[in-house]
Structure formats: structure tokens, C-alpha cells
Amino acid sequence: MNSLFFYCYSFFSIIIYVLAFPFLLFFSFKPKYKASIPARFFLWKNPSFKPEGIWFHSCSFGEAKAIKPLVDALPKEVLRMSTTTQTGYDAICAYTEQSRYLPFEPLLFGWMKPQKALVVMEAEFWYLLFALAQKRGAKTLLINARMSSRSFPKYQRMAWLYRHIFKHIDEVYAQTELDKERLMSLGAQNVLVTGNIKLSTLPKISQTLQKPDALVVCAASTHDKEEALILDAFAALKKENSSAKLLIVPRHPERFDKVASLIEIFAKQQKLSWHSYAKNQSLEDDIVLVDVLGALVTLYSISDIVILGGAFEPIGGHNAAEAAQFGCKIISGKYYFNQVDIFEAVEGIAIVEASGLLETLLHHALLSPSQLTHKSDIAPIIKSLQGVMPELLSI
């Protein structure tokens, strides 16, 4: 361990924590952060893990769900799960009672117990997380690692920091060969390309739904401004196909109320019916606001067309493979820079400008059903974890 950098970084993180303290207190009273901030920054109801387990850290709801194939391959008693978001926490709690919010870095000194391995998803580059875990005996793995064309220049500007971080990461499992090259240029060692873990085992439907006798359009994982765009396109489609139905699934739960107000105004103007899925799990109305978590894959199974959100605005896109497993026709915007590898693994996605969505939806008959072309391999990761816990060799 580079002692000088370690102590300087630790001191700096403590200073940041002290300066941010009053702001953290203020934001901890906001509904969005009322659980995560007290847990992460004040350790409120956030005890340490039991020692000597396999610790998985993921950030968002999507990452926490994507890690499920690895979680399912390991005994529940060895699992330790952490996250930084409320939705991520809701997901990991389904895996084990040993689920926690990740404390802010300087708090890790007293909170972190020795573990057999630390497995971090994608781009959660916390220096003290890796350094302390390794110092306390854990084998450290970065899995599903990626460096998008959009983010790579930013990482390059801070290359000196990432070289210090990668000194404390024993193994890196990258999504693509290009990701491997970029990661190695920042100091990553022992890099193996295993594909995107999100393709290893796709989530299955949680219940069987009766498909309406109509064209079903699912607006999936939408963000601000995208719902209005999609509603306008649907209004044009509705004039051509009066029985068509639209399911709108906002990405973030805190936006449910805002999207509900938008739909209410739109439906009144267009003389269309709508309802909240949380209150009524039927699909009878023209528009259904899906204001619950965990229903998206089930809705894909009865959808004809999926308009994939997060790409009509510069967000980075979302996982197209989950819809492709059902052969849905998929329409996406051009800003899918965080999902390039997944998009390359799916045939039939229509990439359009925001201004072209209406025309594309009207001519949906010309679109091809989507199809997955390849998956990923998590076996090398499992083998690595078996190396630190011989008792896992039987799985």
C-alpha cells in the first residue's frame, strides 16, 4: 500500500465529510434520502457485516438485479450485500439479511470487518473500499467493468487516481475487449473479458399476465422529458389504431407523481382513459402508469413494442436484453452510450432521433422483432471465489 497516498486520501475524505456534514443533515430529511443518508453518513441502523463472507457491492437497482446470477450460485450464508441507493437496497434485501448501505469512505475504518472477498459491480471506484478490504484480507474483484466512449476521457483526466485504485484490485472482469484496453490503460491488471453479466441470466416474469387483445406499447425506464415525447407519439398512433394501449414505466420512483400529473393532463386533452397500476393491476385503460417496482420484465412479456427510455435524452440508455428475450420490437433513442455492449448483443433495435419517434411508431409494422445473439460467462468469477472459500467447490 502506498502509505503517503493512503494517508493523504484518508485525511482529505475526512475533511470533505466534515464540510459536508450540515448539508447531509439537511438532505437527510428529504423523502428520497431519508434512509440512505442517515445509514451511509451517520451509520444509523447500519451495523457492520458478519466477517468472513463474500461481499458484493452494487450501486443501482439495475446493478443489484443484474448480480443475481452470481448471488444464486453461492450459499446464502456467505452473502454480504451493499449498495448506495434506496432502490438498490430494496433489491439486495431480497438476497440476504446481511444487506447494508455502503458507508461513506472515512467511516469504513471502524465499520468494515474482514471478508474473504469483495466483489464490486461496474464503476464503483471507491479507493478506501478496495484498499481497506484488501488490507484486511479480502480478495478484490471488479466485475462487469466498463468504460464507455463518453466517460473514458473523464477517467483519463483522473488517471493518477485510478492507478492507485487499481493497485488494490486483484482481478478485473470486463464486458468487452475495448473495455479491457481502456481499463488496462488506467492501471488495471489481471483483466479477463467475460461479457456483460446482465446477459448471463435474464430476469424472468414474476407472474403470468393476460395480454390485451390490442397493440401493447411499453415505454420502459423513462426519464424526464421522455414521457411527453412518447405520449405525443402515442396520440398519433391512437388515431391509426384506436385499440392500442400504452404502459409507461418511469425509471425512478420519486417521479411517479410528476408523471401521473403529466398523464392526467394529456389523457384529458386527448379524451383517453388512464389509471395507476399500483391501484389497479388491470390493463383495461388506454394508458397505464406503472408506478411499482419489479413489474417491467413481466410487462415486456405481453408487449408488442418497447420504447426504451434513457436514450432520447443523454442518460446512457437501459438494458435492451430484458425485452429482447421476448422478441419485442424495440425502439431506442441514440443516447445509449452506457449500453453499447448490450445493444451489440441484440438484433433488431431501431435507433431513432427523438424527432423521428412518432414516424417510427406509426410504421411499427416495418420493424423487426428483436433477438439476442449472445450471452456472457460468469464461470471464471465463480471459480475465483471458490479459490478463497474452498467450501464453495461443491456448488
Protein backbone atom coordinates (compact mmCIF):
# COMPACT_ATOMS: atom_id res chain seq x y z
CA MET A 1 0.00 0.00 0.00
CA ASN A 2 1.30 3.44 -0.93
CA SER A 3 1.30 4.87 2.58
CA LEU A 4 1.64 8.54 1.65
CA PHE A 5 -1.26 8.45 -0.82
CA PHE A 6 -3.35 6.34 1.56
CA TYR A 7 -2.97 8.79 4.45
CA CYS A 8 -3.42 11.88 2.26
CA TYR A 9 -6.57 10.45 0.66
CA SER A 10 -7.97 9.40 4.05
CA PHE A 11 -7.31 12.85 5.52
CA PHE A 12 -8.90 14.56 2.52
CA SER A 13 -12.01 12.34 2.71
CA ILE A 14 -12.41 13.24 6.40
CA ILE A 15 -12.21 16.95 5.57
CA ILE A 16 -14.87 16.52 2.87
CA TYR A 17 -17.06 14.67 5.35
CA VAL A 18 -16.78 17.41 7.99
CA LEU A 19 -17.51 20.18 5.47
CA ALA A 20 -20.50 18.30 4.05
CA PHE A 21 -21.95 17.40 7.45
CA PRO A 22 -24.55 20.23 7.71
CA PHE A 23 -25.70 19.66 4.13
CA LEU A 24 -26.06 15.94 4.80
CA LEU A 25 -28.19 16.68 7.85
CA PHE A 26 -30.44 18.90 5.75
CA PHE A 27 -30.88 16.41 2.90
CA SER A 28 -31.45 13.52 5.29
CA PHE A 29 -34.94 14.91 5.93
CA LYS A 30 -35.93 14.71 2.27
CA PRO A 31 -38.04 11.64 1.42
CA LYS A 32 -35.67 10.48 -1.32
CA TYR A 33 -32.72 10.28 1.11
CA LYS A 34 -34.37 9.65 4.47
CA ALA A 35 -33.00 6.11 4.64
CA SER A 36 -29.79 6.24 2.59
CA ILE A 37 -28.12 9.37 4.01
CA PRO A 38 -28.53 8.51 7.73
CA ALA A 39 -27.30 4.98 7.03
CA ARG A 40 -24.38 5.93 4.78
CA PHE A 41 -23.11 9.05 6.53
CA PHE A 42 -24.19 8.60 10.17
CA LEU A 43 -24.33 4.74 10.34
CA TRP A 44 -27.91 4.99 11.57
CA LYS A 45 -29.33 1.45 11.74
CA ASN A 46 -26.39 0.31 9.62
CA PRO A 47 -24.34 -2.25 11.59
CA SER A 48 -21.22 -3.93 10.25
CA PHE A 49 -21.37 -7.19 8.29
CA LYS A 50 -20.57 -10.50 9.84
CA PRO A 51 -16.94 -11.29 8.94
CA GLU A 52 -15.51 -13.92 6.58
CA GLY A 53 -18.12 -13.77 3.82
CA ILE A 54 -18.34 -12.81 0.15
CA TRP A 55 -19.17 -9.11 -0.07
CA PHE A 56 -20.96 -7.84 -3.17
CA HIS A 57 -21.31 -4.12 -3.77
CA SER A 58 -23.57 -2.64 -6.46
CA CYS A 59 -24.97 0.83 -6.88
CA SER A 60 -28.36 0.97 -8.55
CA PHE A 61 -31.49 -1.19 -8.67
CA GLY A 62 -30.45 -2.43 -12.12
CA GLU A 63 -26.98 -3.48 -10.99
CA ALA A 64 -28.37 -5.13 -7.87
CA LYS A 65 -30.77 -7.17 -10.01
CA ALA A 66 -28.07 -7.97 -12.57
CA ILE A 67 -25.84 -9.54 -9.92
CA LYS A 68 -28.49 -12.15 -9.13
CA PRO A 69 -26.90 -14.98 -11.21
CA LEU A 70 -23.77 -14.78 -9.03
CA VAL A 71 -25.80 -14.50 -5.84
CA ASP A 72 -27.87 -17.54 -6.78
CA ALA A 73 -24.68 -19.56 -7.35
CA LEU A 74 -23.49 -19.06 -3.75
CA PRO A 75 -24.81 -20.25 -0.38
CA LYS A 76 -26.96 -17.61 1.26
CA GLU A 77 -24.98 -17.74 4.50
CA VAL A 78 -21.80 -16.37 2.85
CA LEU A 79 -23.51 -13.39 1.20
CA ARG A 80 -22.82 -9.82 2.25
CA MET A 81 -24.56 -7.17 0.11
CA SER A 82 -24.16 -3.37 -0.01
CA THR A 83 -25.46 -0.54 -2.15
CA THR A 84 -25.71 3.26 -2.17
CA THR A 85 -29.30 3.86 -3.32
CA GLN A 86 -32.75 3.23 -1.88
CA THR A 87 -33.90 1.21 -4.89
CA GLY A 88 -30.67 -0.78 -4.83
CA TYR A 89 -31.19 -1.51 -1.14
CA ASP A 90 -34.73 -2.75 -1.78
CA ALA A 91 -33.30 -5.19 -4.33
CA ILE A 92 -30.44 -6.59 -2.25
CA CYS A 93 -32.64 -7.15 0.80
CA ALA A 94 -34.27 -9.96 -1.16
CA TYR A 95 -30.93 -11.82 -1.21
CA THR A 96 -29.88 -11.82 2.44
CA GLU A 97 -30.42 -10.18 5.81
CA GLN A 98 -26.76 -9.18 5.60
CA SER A 99 -27.68 -6.22 3.36
CA ARG A 100 -26.41 -2.73 4.11
CA TYR A 101 -25.94 0.76 2.73
CA LEU A 102 -22.26 1.36 1.95
CA PRO A 103 -20.89 3.89 4.45
CA PHE A 104 -19.04 6.95 3.20
CA GLU A 105 -15.35 6.17 2.84
CA PRO A 106 -13.80 7.50 6.11
CA LEU A 107 -16.47 5.65 8.10
CA LEU A 108 -15.25 2.36 6.65
CA PHE A 109 -12.26 2.34 9.02
CA GLY A 110 -14.37 1.35 12.02
CA TRP A 111 -17.25 -0.27 10.13
CA MET A 112 -15.50 -2.75 7.83
CA LYS A 113 -14.90 -6.29 9.07
CA PRO A 114 -12.52 -8.75 7.32
CA GLN A 115 -14.16 -10.62 4.44
CA LYS A 116 -12.96 -13.42 2.17
CA ALA A 117 -13.67 -11.43 -1.00
CA LEU A 118 -15.03 -8.08 -2.15
CA VAL A 119 -16.88 -8.12 -5.48
CA VAL A 120 -17.75 -4.69 -6.91
CA MET A 121 -20.03 -4.11 -9.89
CA GLU A 122 -19.14 -1.95 -12.89
CA ALA A 123 -17.81 1.52 -12.00
CA GLU A 124 -17.97 1.92 -8.21
CA PHE A 125 -14.40 3.18 -7.81
CA TRP A 126 -14.08 3.92 -4.09
CA TYR A 127 -10.39 3.93 -3.17
CA LEU A 128 -10.76 3.21 0.54
CA LEU A 129 -13.33 0.48 -0.13
CA PHE A 130 -10.80 -1.52 -2.15
CA ALA A 131 -7.71 -0.54 -0.15
CA LEU A 132 -9.15 -1.37 3.27
CA ALA A 133 -10.84 -4.56 2.10
CA GLN A 134 -7.59 -5.81 0.59
CA LYS A 135 -5.57 -4.75 3.65
CA ARG A 136 -7.96 -6.73 5.85
CA GLY A 137 -7.54 -9.92 3.85
CA ALA A 138 -10.16 -9.82 1.11
CA LYS A 139 -9.54 -10.81 -2.48
CA THR A 140 -10.82 -7.84 -4.50
CA LEU A 141 -12.70 -8.21 -7.78
CA LEU A 142 -14.19 -5.64 -10.15
CA ILE A 143 -16.82 -7.33 -12.31
CA ASN A 144 -18.87 -6.25 -15.32
CA ALA A 145 -16.33 -3.46 -15.68
CA ARG A 146 -16.88 -0.98 -18.48
CA MET A 147 -15.52 2.31 -19.82
CA SER A 148 -17.91 3.98 -22.25
CA SER A 149 -16.61 6.28 -25.00
CA ARG A 150 -18.38 9.12 -23.25
CA SER A 151 -16.88 8.52 -19.80
CA PHE A 152 -13.39 7.30 -20.72
CA PRO A 153 -11.91 10.81 -21.32
CA LYS A 154 -13.09 11.80 -17.83
CA TYR A 155 -11.34 8.79 -16.34
CA GLN A 156 -8.18 9.63 -18.29
CA ARG A 157 -8.06 13.12 -16.75
CA MET A 158 -8.01 11.45 -13.33
CA ALA A 159 -5.75 8.57 -14.37
CA TRP A 160 -3.39 9.17 -11.43
CA LEU A 161 -6.24 8.38 -9.02
CA TYR A 162 -7.42 5.26 -10.83
CA ARG A 163 -3.88 3.86 -10.94
CA HIS A 164 -3.87 3.99 -7.15
CA ILE A 165 -7.29 2.35 -7.01
CA PHE A 166 -6.35 -0.46 -9.41
CA LYS A 167 -3.32 -1.28 -7.25
CA HIS A 168 -5.85 -2.67 -4.78
CA ILE A 169 -7.99 -4.63 -7.25
CA ASP A 170 -6.75 -8.19 -7.71
CA GLU A 171 -8.89 -9.19 -10.69
CA VAL A 172 -10.98 -7.33 -13.25
CA TYR A 173 -13.72 -8.91 -15.37
CA ALA A 174 -14.50 -6.64 -18.31
CA GLN A 175 -17.53 -6.54 -20.58
CA THR A 176 -15.67 -6.17 -23.91
CA GLU A 177 -12.15 -6.17 -25.39
CA LEU A 178 -12.35 -2.39 -25.76
CA ASP A 179 -13.26 -2.05 -22.08
CA LYS A 180 -10.24 -4.25 -21.26
CA GLU A 181 -7.89 -1.98 -23.22
CA ARG A 182 -9.23 1.15 -21.57
CA LEU A 183 -9.12 -0.34 -18.08
CA MET A 184 -5.54 -1.54 -18.55
CA SER A 185 -4.51 1.94 -19.70
CA LEU A 186 -5.67 3.18 -16.28
CA GLY A 187 -3.63 0.58 -14.43
CA ALA A 188 -5.94 -2.44 -14.24
CA GLN A 189 -4.19 -5.82 -14.02
CA ASN A 190 -5.37 -9.41 -14.46
CA VAL A 191 -8.19 -8.34 -16.78
CA LEU A 192 -10.40 -11.02 -18.36
CA VAL A 193 -13.26 -10.39 -20.80
CA THR A 194 -16.38 -12.30 -19.71
CA GLY A 195 -19.13 -10.30 -21.39
CA ASN A 196 -21.93 -8.43 -19.69
CA ILE A 197 -23.23 -10.18 -16.59
CA LYS A 198 -26.66 -8.75 -17.37
CA LEU A 199 -26.82 -11.24 -20.24
CA SER A 200 -25.81 -14.31 -18.23
CA THR A 201 -29.25 -14.97 -16.77
CA LEU A 202 -32.02 -12.59 -17.70
CA PRO A 203 -34.77 -11.89 -15.16
CA LYS A 204 -37.93 -13.92 -15.56
CA ILE A 205 -41.55 -12.89 -15.28
CA SER A 206 -42.91 -12.69 -11.74
CA GLN A 207 -46.48 -13.54 -12.78
CA THR A 208 -48.45 -14.52 -15.85
CA LEU A 209 -50.49 -11.71 -17.37
CA GLN A 210 -53.30 -11.97 -19.89
CA LYS A 211 -52.30 -9.97 -22.95
CA PRO A 212 -54.97 -7.48 -24.02
CA ASP A 213 -56.48 -8.04 -27.45
CA ALA A 214 -54.72 -4.92 -28.68
CA LEU A 215 -51.36 -3.50 -29.73
CA VAL A 216 -49.43 -3.01 -26.46
CA VAL A 217 -46.70 -0.36 -26.37
CA CYS A 218 -44.44 -0.32 -23.30
CA ALA A 219 -42.48 2.88 -22.57
CA ALA A 220 -39.78 1.39 -20.34
CA SER A 221 -37.47 3.09 -17.82
CA THR A 222 -38.39 6.59 -18.94
CA HIS A 223 -36.79 9.82 -17.74
CA ASP A 224 -37.78 13.47 -17.61
CA LYS A 225 -38.96 14.86 -20.99
CA GLU A 226 -39.22 11.37 -22.48
CA GLU A 227 -42.76 10.73 -21.27
CA ALA A 228 -44.06 13.84 -23.07
CA LEU A 229 -42.30 12.76 -26.26
CA ILE A 230 -43.75 9.26 -26.05
CA LEU A 231 -47.25 10.47 -25.23
CA ASP A 232 -47.28 12.68 -28.34
CA ALA A 233 -46.19 9.75 -30.48
CA PHE A 234 -48.82 7.52 -28.90
CA ALA A 235 -51.53 10.10 -29.61
CA ALA A 236 -50.70 9.82 -33.33
CA LEU A 237 -50.69 6.02 -33.13
CA LYS A 238 -54.04 6.05 -31.36
CA LYS A 239 -55.62 7.82 -34.32
CA GLU A 240 -54.45 4.98 -36.58
CA ASN A 241 -55.10 2.17 -34.10
CA SER A 242 -57.90 3.01 -31.67
CA SER A 243 -57.38 -0.11 -29.52
CA ALA A 244 -53.66 0.50 -28.86
CA LYS A 245 -52.54 0.68 -25.24
CA LEU A 246 -49.56 2.44 -23.65
CA LEU A 247 -47.78 1.28 -20.49
CA ILE A 248 -45.49 3.95 -19.03
CA VAL A 249 -42.83 2.74 -16.58
CA PRO A 250 -40.77 5.66 -15.16
CA ARG A 251 -37.21 4.75 -14.17
CA HIS A 252 -37.22 6.48 -10.78
CA PRO A 253 -39.99 6.04 -8.18
CA GLU A 254 -39.67 9.64 -6.97
CA ARG A 255 -41.01 10.77 -10.37
CA PHE A 256 -44.22 8.70 -10.21
CA ASP A 257 -46.37 11.61 -9.02
CA LYS A 258 -44.96 14.01 -11.61
CA VAL A 259 -45.57 11.56 -14.44
CA ALA A 260 -49.07 10.86 -13.12
CA SER A 261 -49.90 14.58 -13.37
CA LEU A 262 -48.50 14.70 -16.90
CA ILE A 263 -50.58 11.69 -17.98
CA GLU A 264 -53.72 13.07 -16.34
CA ILE A 265 -53.48 16.32 -18.31
CA PHE A 266 -52.64 14.52 -21.54
CA ALA A 267 -55.46 11.97 -21.18
CA LYS A 268 -57.98 14.73 -20.55
CA GLN A 269 -56.85 16.65 -23.63
CA GLN A 270 -56.93 13.54 -25.84
CA LYS A 271 -60.08 12.11 -24.26
CA LEU A 272 -58.29 8.91 -23.26
CA SER A 273 -58.65 6.75 -20.15
CA TRP A 274 -55.79 6.02 -17.75
CA HIS A 275 -55.07 4.60 -14.31
CA SER A 276 -52.30 3.83 -11.82
CA TYR A 277 -51.04 0.25 -11.84
CA ALA A 278 -50.36 0.43 -8.12
CA LYS A 279 -54.09 0.95 -7.53
CA ASN A 280 -55.43 -1.30 -10.27
CA GLN A 281 -53.33 -4.04 -11.89
CA SER A 282 -55.54 -4.32 -14.94
CA LEU A 283 -54.56 -3.18 -18.41
CA GLU A 284 -58.01 -2.06 -19.49
CA ASP A 285 -57.43 1.67 -19.99
CA ASP A 286 -55.72 3.41 -22.90
CA ILE A 287 -52.74 4.42 -20.73
CA VAL A 288 -51.42 2.68 -17.62
CA LEU A 289 -48.86 4.34 -15.35
CA VAL A 290 -46.79 1.51 -13.90
CA ASP A 291 -45.89 3.07 -10.56
CA VAL A 292 -44.46 -0.06 -8.92
CA LEU A 293 -41.01 -1.65 -8.91
CA GLY A 294 -40.16 -5.05 -10.34
CA ALA A 295 -43.01 -5.35 -12.87
CA LEU A 296 -41.15 -4.33 -16.03
CA VAL A 297 -39.99 -7.76 -17.23
CA THR A 298 -43.47 -9.20 -16.71
CA LEU A 299 -44.91 -6.36 -18.78
CA TYR A 300 -42.36 -7.00 -21.53
CA SER A 301 -43.81 -10.49 -21.87
CA ILE A 302 -47.14 -9.09 -23.11
CA SER A 303 -45.79 -6.08 -25.04
CA ASP A 304 -45.62 -5.84 -28.82
CA ILE A 305 -43.44 -2.72 -28.95
CA VAL A 306 -40.97 -1.43 -26.36
CA ILE A 307 -39.86 2.20 -26.43
CA LEU A 308 -36.72 2.02 -24.32
CA GLY A 309 -36.16 5.12 -22.22
CA GLY A 310 -32.95 6.74 -21.07
CA ALA A 311 -31.74 7.21 -24.64
CA PHE A 312 -33.89 10.02 -26.04
CA GLU A 313 -32.17 12.28 -23.53
CA PRO A 314 -28.39 11.98 -22.86
CA ILE A 315 -28.82 9.49 -20.00
CA GLY A 316 -26.98 6.48 -21.43
CA GLY A 317 -29.79 4.03 -22.17
CA HIS A 318 -31.05 0.93 -20.39
CA ASN A 319 -30.92 -2.86 -20.76
CA ALA A 320 -32.47 -3.91 -24.08
CA ALA A 321 -31.81 -7.62 -23.50
CA GLU A 322 -34.63 -7.95 -20.99
CA ALA A 323 -37.16 -7.02 -23.68
CA ALA A 324 -35.32 -8.86 -26.46
CA GLN A 325 -35.77 -12.22 -24.72
CA PHE A 326 -39.48 -11.91 -25.57
CA GLY A 327 -38.91 -10.83 -29.17
CA CYS A 328 -40.45 -7.40 -28.66
CA LYS A 329 -39.95 -4.78 -31.34
CA ILE A 330 -37.62 -2.26 -29.68
CA ILE A 331 -37.27 1.45 -30.41
CA SER A 332 -34.46 3.41 -28.74
CA GLY A 333 -33.01 6.89 -28.89
CA LYS A 334 -29.41 7.49 -29.92
CA TYR A 335 -28.01 8.15 -26.42
CA TYR A 336 -27.37 4.54 -25.38
CA PHE A 337 -23.65 5.03 -24.65
CA ASN A 338 -23.78 3.10 -21.35
CA GLN A 339 -25.35 0.07 -23.03
CA VAL A 340 -23.30 -0.28 -26.22
CA ASP A 341 -22.25 -3.86 -25.48
CA ILE A 342 -25.81 -4.98 -24.76
CA PHE A 343 -27.14 -3.23 -27.87
CA GLU A 344 -24.49 -5.03 -29.90
CA ALA A 345 -25.77 -8.32 -28.50
CA VAL A 346 -29.35 -7.62 -29.64
CA GLU A 347 -30.50 -7.69 -33.24
CA GLY A 348 -33.44 -5.62 -34.45
CA ILE A 349 -33.26 -2.47 -32.29
CA ALA A 350 -34.47 0.61 -34.17
CA ILE A 351 -32.28 3.59 -33.22
CA VAL A 352 -34.04 6.89 -33.94
CA GLU A 353 -33.75 10.59 -33.22
CA ALA A 354 -36.30 11.94 -30.77
CA SER A 355 -37.90 13.79 -33.67
CA GLY A 356 -38.31 10.50 -35.53
CA LEU A 357 -40.07 8.53 -32.79
CA LEU A 358 -43.60 9.42 -33.92
CA GLU A 359 -42.98 8.35 -37.52
CA THR A 360 -41.24 5.13 -36.43
CA LEU A 361 -44.08 4.19 -34.10
CA LEU A 362 -46.67 4.83 -36.82
CA HIS A 363 -44.74 2.47 -39.12
CA HIS A 364 -44.14 -0.20 -36.47
CA ALA A 365 -45.16 -2.94 -38.91
CA LEU A 366 -41.84 -2.38 -40.70
CA LEU A 367 -39.82 -3.10 -37.54
CA SER A 368 -38.24 -6.50 -36.94
CA PRO A 369 -38.71 -8.45 -33.71
CA SER A 370 -35.62 -8.20 -31.53
CA GLN A 371 -33.36 -11.18 -30.88
CA LEU A 372 -30.47 -11.90 -28.51
CA THR A 373 -27.31 -13.02 -30.33
CA HIS A 374 -25.04 -13.99 -27.40
CA LYS A 375 -24.73 -14.11 -23.63
CA SER A 376 -21.92 -13.93 -21.06
CA ASP A 377 -19.97 -16.36 -18.91
CA ILE A 378 -19.79 -15.96 -15.13
CA ALA A 379 -17.94 -19.25 -14.57
CA PRO A 380 -14.48 -17.58 -14.20
CA ILE A 381 -15.85 -15.32 -11.45
CA ILE A 382 -17.35 -18.28 -9.58
CA LYS A 383 -14.05 -20.16 -9.90
CA SER A 384 -12.17 -17.18 -8.48
CA LEU A 385 -14.47 -17.01 -5.46
CA GLN A 386 -14.12 -20.75 -4.92
CA GLY A 387 -10.40 -20.13 -4.57
CA VAL A 388 -10.90 -18.04 -1.42
CA MET A 389 -13.60 -20.29 0.08
CA PRO A 390 -12.82 -23.96 -0.58
CA GLU A 391 -16.23 -24.89 0.86
CA LEU A 392 -17.76 -23.38 -2.30
CA LEU A 393 -16.10 -26.00 -4.52
CA SER A 394 -19.19 -28.19 -4.26
CA ILE A 395 -21.51 -25.62 -5.94
